[in-house]
Amino acid sequence: MIHQENILDQRKKGNVYHFLDYKNKRPFFMKPIKITIDVPIRDTFFMVKNVVYKEKQILALKKEQDPNTIVLVEATIENGKLSYVSRIPDEYIYDITRMIEGTI
């Protein structure tokens, strides 16, 4: 048992990553998904891209009826599920658009 404690102590001295910090810096959704938003009107979107900008989950959504229009929203994820989407502040739109411009 003493040998195991020494090994664990040595591991703590190396590169230790805080899981929540790591999770906040990488996209939550890895594959495209279908999202239905209920408020203010019920509408269905397809998430085509998920990027992280300033530790915020940003989703690029396309409507079923209008596939040429892309909607950018900030996703709030609680307990491993998408719980809320909100409008992105205007000052971030330009930077986010430049990030995803060539990938969609």
C-alpha atoms as a PDB file:
ATOM      1  CA  MET A   1       0.000   0.000   0.000  1.00  0.00           C
ATOM      2  CA  ILE A   2       2.821   2.437   0.695  1.00  0.00           C
ATOM      3  CA  HIS A   3       4.134   1.973  -2.851  1.00  0.00           C
ATOM      4  CA  GLN A   4       0.720   2.844  -4.329  1.00  0.00           C
ATOM      5  CA  GLU A   5       0.528   6.042  -2.299  1.00  0.00           C
ATOM      6  CA  ASN A   6       3.907   7.137  -3.641  1.00  0.00           C
ATOM      7  CA  ILE A   7       2.785   6.564  -7.223  1.00  0.00           C
ATOM      8  CA  LEU A   8      -0.374   8.593  -6.680  1.00  0.00           C
ATOM      9  CA  ASP A   9       1.627  11.421  -5.090  1.00  0.00           C
ATOM     10  CA  GLN A  10       3.934  11.509  -8.108  1.00  0.00           C
ATOM     11  CA  ARG A  11       0.986  11.745 -10.496  1.00  0.00           C
ATOM     12  CA  LYS A  12      -0.349  14.806  -8.699  1.00  0.00           C
ATOM     13  CA  LYS A  13       2.935  16.602  -9.376  1.00  0.00           C
ATOM     14  CA  GLY A  14       2.609  16.120 -13.160  1.00  0.00           C
ATOM     15  CA  ASN A  15       0.138  17.700 -15.544  1.00  0.00           C
ATOM     16  CA  VAL A  16      -3.223  17.652 -13.795  1.00  0.00           C
ATOM     17  CA  TYR A  17      -6.231  18.831 -15.756  1.00  0.00           C
ATOM     18  CA  HIS A  18      -9.405  20.002 -14.091  1.00  0.00           C
ATOM     19  CA  PHE A  19     -12.196  18.140 -15.874  1.00  0.00           C
ATOM     20  CA  LEU A  20     -14.673  21.040 -15.910  1.00  0.00           C
ATOM     21  CA  ASP A  21     -12.057  23.417 -17.365  1.00  0.00           C
ATOM     22  CA  TYR A  22     -11.269  20.892 -20.089  1.00  0.00           C
ATOM     23  CA  LYS A  23     -14.966  20.292 -20.792  1.00  0.00           C
ATOM     24  CA  ASN A  24     -15.677  24.028 -21.112  1.00  0.00           C
ATOM     25  CA  LYS A  25     -13.015  24.411 -23.800  1.00  0.00           C
ATOM     26  CA  ARG A  26     -14.251  21.753 -26.204  1.00  0.00           C
ATOM     27  CA  PRO A  27     -17.511  21.398 -28.138  1.00  0.00           C
ATOM     28  CA  PHE A  28     -20.227  19.472 -26.302  1.00  0.00           C
ATOM     29  CA  PHE A  29     -22.014  18.161 -29.404  1.00  0.00           C
ATOM     30  CA  MET A  30     -19.742  16.249 -31.749  1.00  0.00           C
ATOM     31  CA  LYS A  31     -22.332  15.211 -34.354  1.00  0.00           C
ATOM     32  CA  PRO A  32     -25.196  17.153 -35.975  1.00  0.00           C
ATOM     33  CA  ILE A  33     -28.463  16.910 -34.036  1.00  0.00           C
ATOM     34  CA  LYS A  34     -32.084  17.994 -34.397  1.00  0.00           C
ATOM     35  CA  ILE A  35     -33.242  20.620 -31.873  1.00  0.00           C
ATOM     36  CA  THR A  36     -36.825  21.722 -31.209  1.00  0.00           C
ATOM     37  CA  ILE A  37     -37.264  25.096 -29.551  1.00  0.00           C
ATOM     38  CA  ASP A  38     -40.637  25.716 -27.883  1.00  0.00           C
ATOM     39  CA  VAL A  39     -40.508  29.378 -26.837  1.00  0.00           C
ATOM     40  CA  PRO A  40     -41.647  31.827 -28.264  1.00  0.00           C
ATOM     41  CA  ILE A  41     -42.844  29.648 -31.167  1.00  0.00           C
ATOM     42  CA  ARG A  42     -42.308  25.962 -31.725  1.00  0.00           C
ATOM     43  CA  ASP A  43     -39.659  25.499 -34.413  1.00  0.00           C
ATOM     44  CA  THR A  44     -37.213  22.765 -35.407  1.00  0.00           C
ATOM     45  CA  PHE A  45     -33.568  23.361 -36.262  1.00  0.00           C
ATOM     46  CA  PHE A  46     -30.616  21.216 -37.274  1.00  0.00           C
ATOM     47  CA  MET A  47     -27.385  21.920 -35.432  1.00  0.00           C
ATOM     48  CA  VAL A  48     -24.678  21.894 -38.073  1.00  0.00           C
ATOM     49  CA  LYS A  49     -21.727  23.168 -36.039  1.00  0.00           C
ATOM     50  CA  ASN A  50     -20.772  23.479 -32.372  1.00  0.00           C
ATOM     51  CA  VAL A  51     -17.803  25.680 -31.444  1.00  0.00           C
ATOM     52  CA  VAL A  52     -16.482  27.080 -28.183  1.00  0.00           C
ATOM     53  CA  TYR A  53     -15.865  30.814 -27.972  1.00  0.00           C
ATOM     54  CA  LYS A  54     -14.691  32.364 -24.690  1.00  0.00           C
ATOM     55  CA  GLU A  55     -15.739  29.172 -22.883  1.00  0.00           C
ATOM     56  CA  LYS A  56     -19.299  29.408 -24.231  1.00  0.00           C
ATOM     57  CA  GLN A  57     -20.937  26.709 -26.323  1.00  0.00           C
ATOM     58  CA  ILE A  58     -22.002  28.286 -29.617  1.00  0.00           C
ATOM     59  CA  LEU A  59     -24.380  26.420 -31.925  1.00  0.00           C
ATOM     60  CA  ALA A  60     -24.901  27.127 -35.622  1.00  0.00           C
ATOM     61  CA  LEU A  61     -28.485  26.150 -36.458  1.00  0.00           C
ATOM     62  CA  LYS A  62     -30.357  25.807 -39.745  1.00  0.00           C
ATOM     63  CA  LYS A  63     -34.137  25.711 -40.085  1.00  0.00           C
ATOM     64  CA  GLU A  64     -35.839  22.851 -41.885  1.00  0.00           C
ATOM     65  CA  GLN A  65     -37.827  25.252 -44.060  1.00  0.00           C
ATOM     66  CA  ASP A  66     -34.947  27.664 -44.820  1.00  0.00           C
ATOM     67  CA  PRO A  67     -31.629  25.780 -45.096  1.00  0.00           C
ATOM     68  CA  ASN A  68     -29.800  28.869 -46.442  1.00  0.00           C
ATOM     69  CA  THR A  69     -30.158  30.844 -43.196  1.00  0.00           C
ATOM     70  CA  ILE A  70     -27.868  30.094 -40.260  1.00  0.00           C
ATOM     71  CA  VAL A  71     -28.845  31.111 -36.721  1.00  0.00           C
ATOM     72  CA  LEU A  72     -26.117  31.465 -34.068  1.00  0.00           C
ATOM     73  CA  VAL A  73     -27.086  30.863 -30.431  1.00  0.00           C
ATOM     74  CA  GLU A  74     -25.348  30.293 -27.116  1.00  0.00           C
ATOM     75  CA  ALA A  75     -26.211  26.946 -25.544  1.00  0.00           C
ATOM     76  CA  THR A  76     -26.602  26.384 -21.822  1.00  0.00           C
ATOM     77  CA  ILE A  77     -25.934  22.786 -20.859  1.00  0.00           C
ATOM     78  CA  GLU A  78     -26.994  21.442 -17.473  1.00  0.00           C
ATOM     79  CA  ASN A  79     -26.544  17.877 -16.250  1.00  0.00           C
ATOM     80  CA  GLY A  80     -25.279  16.773 -19.651  1.00  0.00           C
ATOM     81  CA  LYS A  81     -28.344  18.043 -21.552  1.00  0.00           C
ATOM     82  CA  LEU A  82     -29.148  21.111 -23.599  1.00  0.00           C
ATOM     83  CA  SER A  83     -31.445  23.136 -21.370  1.00  0.00           C
ATOM     84  CA  TYR A  84     -31.554  26.619 -22.865  1.00  0.00           C
ATOM     85  CA  VAL A  85     -30.450  28.614 -25.905  1.00  0.00           C
ATOM     86  CA  SER A  86     -29.987  32.361 -25.882  1.00  0.00           C
ATOM     87  CA  ARG A  87     -29.081  35.146 -28.247  1.00  0.00           C
ATOM     88  CA  ILE A  88     -25.380  35.867 -28.720  1.00  0.00           C
ATOM     89  CA  PRO A  89     -24.259  39.403 -27.807  1.00  0.00           C
ATOM     90  CA  ASP A  90     -23.683  41.566 -30.880  1.00  0.00           C
ATOM     91  CA  GLU A  91     -19.997  42.152 -30.092  1.00  0.00           C
ATOM     92  CA  TYR A  92     -19.262  38.398 -30.467  1.00  0.00           C
ATOM     93  CA  ILE A  93     -21.104  37.815 -33.762  1.00  0.00           C
ATOM     94  CA  TYR A  94     -18.263  38.961 -36.037  1.00  0.00           C
ATOM     95  CA  ASP A  95     -15.605  36.794 -34.349  1.00  0.00           C
ATOM     96  CA  ILE A  96     -17.819  33.706 -34.240  1.00  0.00           C
ATOM     97  CA  THR A  97     -18.827  34.150 -37.867  1.00  0.00           C
ATOM     98  CA  ARG A  98     -15.175  34.274 -38.885  1.00  0.00           C
ATOM     99  CA  MET A  99     -14.488  31.064 -36.897  1.00  0.00           C
ATOM    100  CA  ILE A 100     -17.177  28.998 -38.602  1.00  0.00           C
ATOM    101  CA  GLU A 101     -17.293  30.703 -41.997  1.00  0.00           C
ATOM    102  CA  GLY A 102     -15.300  28.117 -43.939  1.00  0.00           C
ATOM    103  CA  THR A 103     -16.528  25.031 -42.110  1.00  0.00           C
ATOM    104  CA  ILE A 104     -20.253  25.107 -42.891  1.00  0.00           C
END
